[in-house]
Amino acid sequence: MLRRRWIKLQQWTVNVSIDSQWPPKENAFGRFAVLGIAYIIGVAGGMFVYQTATAPEVDDGDRKARWQELATTYDQSIHNTERSTGVLKHRQHLLSHASGSVLEIAAGTARNLPFYTTAVRELILYDSSTAMLQEAGNAVRSFSDKHPHSKVSYTLERRDDSNEDIIVQAKKGYAEALPFADNYFDTVIDTFGLCSVDNAHAAMQEMVRVCKPGGKVLLLEHGMSSWLFPVSKYLNWRAKCHAQRWGCWWNRDMNAIVNEASKSANGRVRITKCGSFHLGTGYVYILEKEVE
């Protein structure tokens, strides 16, 4: 009885092996696809390393020229990335703290316009790039058409009937030497600008200088990771390539820059909020200038 069952089992096993073609034949296409993917990754990785290793030196003149080139396509290039990574939400939350007379340095193409509130009375968009300021002016003029449901409206001209409009001025200049008196603005703002100015320490001190006692300095920045060392190493490694592409140094130590400005103010400036995001490479700061 057992022998008969064994014979039947053997026959069944043989039949299954024949039907399923065991051992299976090699899939030539699959092997070719794997090798092809590995080759593409290898070539791309090699080109990536070569591009980084041979990246030319980038000076301030090169970066400024790059801003001129990027101006007309800048918003289109980064908008979807900022939306998908939450940067637009960070802009909105930070700008909700702005009020009164506002100075925005490194204003670029005026990407912050949708996030100001009715608490703002006057806004100066300040940048060193003529092309960027031209785009900012266009953004102000077309704002109502593109944002018909916005609670705020802007005008580039001071008019008697514009009491509800935020008066906007676009001015060219350098953040390291602001042409404004001490204690002039209620709010001073910079979003992703300390990575682009020539001297971030000087620009930070100037922002504190022109802010009124009782006013705020609002910062949204990116730089070296505050806690993840491998990410900082990568930013250092790719710094010249990024500066060549976008005109900014993404590996600056933002914590050091902001803390130094706070200390140099002799206790007149408090950092009331300091947060990070994106693996510690994004920063949000709110500084308040003490009333003397």
Protein backbone atom coordinates (compact mmCIF):
# COMPACT_ATOMS: atom_id res chain seq x y z
CA MET A 1 0.00 0.00 0.00
CA LEU A 2 2.77 2.44 0.95
CA ARG A 3 4.74 1.51 -2.19
CA ARG A 4 1.72 2.25 -4.40
CA ARG A 5 1.25 5.64 -2.76
CA TRP A 6 4.96 6.44 -3.19
CA ILE A 7 4.83 5.55 -6.89
CA LYS A 8 1.78 7.77 -7.34
CA LEU A 9 3.56 10.59 -5.47
CA GLN A 10 6.62 10.21 -7.69
CA GLN A 11 4.50 10.39 -10.83
CA TRP A 12 2.69 13.49 -9.51
CA THR A 13 6.00 15.17 -8.68
CA VAL A 14 7.38 14.47 -12.12
CA ASN A 15 4.22 15.80 -13.77
CA VAL A 16 4.33 18.99 -11.70
CA SER A 17 8.02 19.48 -12.53
CA ILE A 18 7.32 19.09 -16.23
CA ASP A 19 4.30 21.42 -16.17
CA SER A 20 6.08 24.13 -14.20
CA GLN A 21 9.36 23.76 -16.11
CA TRP A 22 11.43 23.20 -12.98
CA PRO A 23 14.10 24.37 -12.61
CA PRO A 24 12.79 27.62 -14.17
CA LYS A 25 14.45 29.01 -17.25
CA GLU A 26 16.49 32.20 -16.87
CA ASN A 27 14.60 35.38 -17.74
CA ALA A 28 17.00 37.06 -20.14
CA PHE A 29 14.96 40.24 -20.31
CA GLY A 30 14.85 40.60 -16.52
CA ARG A 31 18.59 40.11 -16.22
CA PHE A 32 19.17 42.64 -19.00
CA ALA A 33 16.87 45.16 -17.26
CA VAL A 34 18.71 44.79 -13.95
CA LEU A 35 22.08 45.26 -15.63
CA GLY A 36 20.75 48.26 -17.54
CA ILE A 37 19.45 49.94 -14.39
CA ALA A 38 22.72 49.26 -12.60
CA TYR A 39 24.65 50.76 -15.52
CA ILE A 40 22.48 53.91 -15.60
CA ILE A 41 22.87 54.39 -11.83
CA GLY A 42 26.60 53.90 -12.10
CA VAL A 43 26.99 56.39 -14.93
CA ALA A 44 24.74 58.95 -13.25
CA GLY A 45 26.60 58.54 -9.97
CA GLY A 46 29.94 58.92 -11.71
CA MET A 47 28.80 62.08 -13.48
CA PHE A 48 27.43 63.43 -10.18
CA VAL A 49 30.75 62.87 -8.42
CA TYR A 50 32.73 64.27 -11.36
CA GLN A 51 30.53 67.40 -11.53
CA THR A 52 31.03 68.00 -7.81
CA ALA A 53 34.77 67.37 -7.85
CA THR A 54 35.37 69.67 -10.83
CA ALA A 55 32.94 72.45 -9.86
CA PRO A 56 34.55 75.86 -10.45
CA GLU A 57 34.96 78.46 -7.76
CA VAL A 58 31.96 80.78 -7.43
CA ASP A 59 32.45 84.40 -6.37
CA ASP A 60 29.89 87.02 -5.41
CA GLY A 61 29.84 88.45 -8.93
CA ASP A 62 28.96 85.04 -10.36
CA ARG A 63 26.11 84.63 -7.91
CA LYS A 64 24.67 88.07 -8.64
CA ALA A 65 24.80 87.39 -12.36
CA ARG A 66 22.92 84.16 -11.72
CA TRP A 67 20.08 86.02 -9.97
CA GLN A 68 19.69 88.21 -13.03
CA GLU A 69 19.39 85.11 -15.19
CA LEU A 70 16.96 83.31 -12.88
CA ALA A 71 14.56 86.18 -12.23
CA THR A 72 11.95 85.49 -14.93
CA THR A 73 11.74 81.73 -14.25
CA TYR A 74 12.47 81.64 -10.53
CA ASP A 75 8.90 81.40 -9.22
CA GLN A 76 7.96 78.74 -11.71
CA SER A 77 11.09 76.74 -10.89
CA ILE A 78 10.58 76.51 -7.14
CA HIS A 79 6.84 76.89 -6.52
CA ASN A 80 5.87 73.22 -6.69
CA THR A 81 8.86 72.23 -4.57
CA GLU A 82 7.99 74.78 -1.88
CA ARG A 83 4.37 73.66 -1.88
CA SER A 84 5.12 69.92 -1.63
CA THR A 85 7.79 70.34 1.08
CA GLY A 86 5.74 72.63 3.29
CA VAL A 87 7.80 75.77 2.76
CA LEU A 88 4.75 77.80 1.71
CA LYS A 89 3.12 76.92 5.03
CA HIS A 90 6.22 78.14 6.86
CA ARG A 91 6.05 81.40 4.93
CA GLN A 92 2.39 81.83 5.79
CA HIS A 93 2.87 81.16 9.50
CA LEU A 94 5.92 83.43 9.79
CA LEU A 95 4.38 86.35 7.89
CA SER A 96 1.33 86.29 10.17
CA HIS A 97 3.60 87.94 12.78
CA ALA A 98 4.35 90.95 10.53
CA SER A 99 2.68 94.29 11.23
CA GLY A 100 3.01 98.04 10.74
CA SER A 101 5.86 99.32 8.61
CA VAL A 102 7.71 96.33 7.14
CA LEU A 103 11.10 95.94 5.49
CA GLU A 104 11.74 92.74 3.55
CA ILE A 105 15.37 92.28 2.57
CA ALA A 106 16.46 89.96 -0.25
CA ALA A 107 12.84 90.20 -1.35
CA GLY A 108 13.54 88.67 -4.75
CA THR A 109 10.40 88.22 -6.82
CA ALA A 110 8.11 89.05 -3.86
CA ARG A 111 7.03 85.48 -3.16
CA ASN A 112 5.72 86.53 0.25
CA LEU A 113 2.97 88.84 -1.03
CA PRO A 114 0.15 86.26 -0.61
CA PHE A 115 1.01 85.80 3.08
CA TYR A 116 0.99 89.32 4.48
CA THR A 117 -2.05 90.31 6.51
CA THR A 118 -4.07 93.48 6.93
CA ALA A 119 -1.93 94.28 9.99
CA VAL A 120 0.76 95.51 7.57
CA ARG A 121 0.53 99.17 6.62
CA GLU A 122 3.61 99.71 4.46
CA LEU A 123 6.05 97.33 2.78
CA ILE A 124 9.49 97.97 1.32
CA LEU A 125 10.83 95.22 -0.96
CA TYR A 126 14.61 95.51 -0.86
CA ASP A 127 16.97 93.56 -3.10
CA SER A 128 20.28 93.95 -4.90
CA SER A 129 19.04 92.42 -8.18
CA THR A 130 17.38 94.73 -10.70
CA ALA A 131 15.81 91.81 -12.56
CA MET A 132 14.35 90.36 -9.36
CA LEU A 133 12.87 93.73 -8.37
CA GLN A 134 11.29 94.06 -11.80
CA GLU A 135 9.55 90.73 -11.25
CA ALA A 136 8.53 91.89 -7.77
CA GLY A 137 6.94 95.01 -9.26
CA ASN A 138 5.05 92.88 -11.76
CA ALA A 139 3.85 90.66 -8.90
CA VAL A 140 2.50 93.69 -7.02
CA ARG A 141 0.68 95.04 -10.07
CA SER A 142 -0.91 91.70 -10.93
CA PHE A 143 -1.61 90.57 -7.37
CA SER A 144 -5.33 91.42 -7.30
CA ASP A 145 -5.94 89.61 -10.60
CA LYS A 146 -4.08 86.48 -9.49
CA HIS A 147 -5.45 86.48 -5.93
CA PRO A 148 -9.01 87.84 -6.23
CA HIS A 149 -10.05 86.38 -2.86
CA SER A 150 -7.14 87.79 -0.86
CA LYS A 151 -7.98 89.97 2.12
CA VAL A 152 -5.09 92.30 1.29
CA SER A 153 -4.34 94.46 -1.73
CA TYR A 154 -1.22 96.31 -2.77
CA THR A 155 -0.33 99.48 -4.59
CA LEU A 156 2.99 100.86 -5.79
CA GLU A 157 1.72 104.41 -5.56
CA ARG A 158 0.48 106.32 -2.55
CA ARG A 159 -3.05 107.52 -3.31
CA ASP A 160 -5.73 109.24 -1.28
CA ASP A 161 -8.19 106.45 -2.03
CA SER A 162 -5.77 103.62 -1.14
CA ASN A 163 -6.24 103.62 2.62
CA GLU A 164 -6.97 99.90 2.58
CA ASP A 165 -4.04 99.04 0.32
CA ILE A 166 -0.60 98.13 1.55
CA ILE A 167 1.76 100.72 0.12
CA VAL A 168 4.69 98.94 -1.55
CA GLN A 169 8.04 100.36 -2.56
CA ALA A 170 10.69 98.38 -4.43
CA LYS A 171 14.22 99.55 -3.68
CA LYS A 172 17.59 98.34 -4.85
CA GLY A 173 20.47 98.06 -2.43
CA TYR A 174 22.60 95.78 -0.30
CA ALA A 175 21.49 94.25 2.98
CA GLU A 176 24.89 94.82 4.57
CA ALA A 177 24.42 98.61 4.45
CA LEU A 178 20.73 99.49 4.74
CA PRO A 179 19.98 103.16 3.93
CA PHE A 180 17.51 103.55 6.79
CA ALA A 181 17.71 105.20 10.19
CA ASP A 182 18.05 103.25 13.42
CA ASN A 183 14.81 101.91 14.94
CA TYR A 184 12.79 102.64 11.79
CA PHE A 185 10.64 99.55 11.03
CA ASP A 186 8.07 97.67 13.07
CA THR A 187 8.98 94.40 11.36
CA VAL A 188 12.06 93.31 9.40
CA ILE A 189 11.78 90.14 7.36
CA ASP A 190 14.10 87.86 5.47
CA THR A 191 13.09 84.58 3.84
CA PHE A 192 15.93 82.54 2.34
CA GLY A 193 18.14 85.58 1.95
CA LEU A 194 20.97 85.17 4.46
CA CYS A 195 22.27 82.37 2.27
CA SER A 196 22.54 84.80 -0.64
CA VAL A 197 23.94 88.05 0.72
CA ASP A 198 27.70 88.60 0.57
CA ASN A 199 28.11 89.05 4.33
CA ALA A 200 25.37 87.37 6.33
CA HIS A 201 26.69 88.57 9.70
CA ALA A 202 26.64 92.21 8.61
CA ALA A 203 23.17 91.84 7.06
CA MET A 204 21.83 90.33 10.25
CA GLN A 205 23.22 93.17 12.36
CA GLU A 206 21.69 95.72 9.98
CA MET A 207 18.27 94.11 10.29
CA VAL A 208 18.47 94.37 14.06
CA ARG A 209 19.64 97.99 13.82
CA VAL A 210 16.72 99.26 11.74
CA CYS A 211 14.10 97.38 13.76
CA LYS A 212 12.19 99.49 16.29
CA PRO A 213 12.27 98.69 20.00
CA GLY A 214 9.26 96.45 20.53
CA GLY A 215 9.49 95.32 16.90
CA LYS A 216 10.31 91.93 15.41
CA VAL A 217 12.84 90.39 13.06
CA LEU A 218 11.33 87.39 11.25
CA LEU A 219 13.60 84.86 9.53
CA LEU A 220 12.99 81.79 7.40
CA GLU A 221 16.31 80.34 6.28
CA HIS A 222 18.19 77.25 5.18
CA GLY A 223 21.75 76.22 5.99
CA MET A 224 23.89 73.61 7.72
CA SER A 225 21.92 70.90 9.49
CA SER A 226 21.54 71.67 13.17
CA TRP A 227 21.69 68.02 14.22
CA LEU A 228 22.44 65.64 11.33
CA PHE A 229 26.17 65.64 10.58
CA PRO A 230 26.07 63.55 7.35
CA VAL A 231 23.61 66.02 5.82
CA SER A 232 25.93 68.91 6.65
CA LYS A 233 28.82 67.03 5.04
CA TYR A 234 26.75 66.61 1.90
CA LEU A 235 25.84 70.31 1.83
CA ASN A 236 29.52 71.22 2.12
CA TRP A 237 30.42 68.77 -0.62
CA ARG A 238 27.83 70.16 -3.05
CA ALA A 239 28.05 73.82 -1.98
CA LYS A 240 29.81 75.16 -5.08
CA CYS A 241 27.45 73.32 -7.43
CA HIS A 242 24.43 74.71 -5.62
CA ALA A 243 25.84 78.24 -5.61
CA GLN A 244 26.51 77.96 -9.33
CA ARG A 245 22.92 76.80 -9.98
CA TRP A 246 20.95 79.02 -7.57
CA GLY A 247 23.32 81.79 -6.50
CA CYS A 248 23.22 80.96 -2.79
CA TRP A 249 25.39 79.20 -0.21
CA TRP A 250 23.22 76.52 1.37
CA ASN A 251 25.87 75.48 3.89
CA ARG A 252 26.05 78.58 6.10
CA ASP A 253 25.72 78.16 9.87
CA MET A 254 22.45 79.99 10.50
CA ASN A 255 22.40 79.35 14.23
CA ALA A 256 25.80 81.01 14.60
CA ILE A 257 24.78 83.99 12.46
CA VAL A 258 21.56 84.65 14.37
CA ASN A 259 23.06 84.04 17.82
CA GLU A 260 25.95 86.39 17.09
CA ALA A 261 23.56 89.17 16.07
CA SER A 262 21.55 88.65 19.23
CA LYS A 263 24.64 88.79 21.45
CA SER A 264 26.09 91.85 19.70
CA ALA A 265 22.88 93.75 20.49
CA ASN A 266 23.91 93.83 24.16
CA GLY A 267 20.81 92.12 25.44
CA ARG A 268 18.40 94.30 23.45
CA VAL A 269 17.31 91.40 21.23
CA ARG A 270 15.71 88.15 22.37
CA ILE A 271 15.24 85.05 20.24
CA THR A 272 11.67 84.15 21.13
CA LYS A 273 11.33 81.32 18.63
CA CYS A 274 13.87 79.01 17.01
CA GLY A 275 12.64 75.98 15.09
CA SER A 276 14.07 73.68 12.45
CA PHE A 277 12.70 71.41 9.74
CA HIS A 278 13.91 69.40 6.72
CA LEU A 279 16.46 67.31 8.65
CA GLY A 280 17.66 70.40 10.50
CA THR A 281 18.53 72.36 7.35
CA GLY A 282 15.53 74.72 7.49
CA TYR A 283 15.18 77.36 10.21
CA VAL A 284 12.47 79.64 11.55
CA TYR A 285 13.41 82.47 13.91
CA ILE A 286 11.46 85.21 15.60
CA LEU A 287 13.56 87.88 17.31
CA GLU A 288 12.09 90.67 19.41
CA LYS A 289 13.88 93.93 20.10
CA GLU A 290 13.46 95.07 23.68
CA VAL A 291 11.95 98.42 24.47
CA GLU A 292 14.69 100.67 25.83
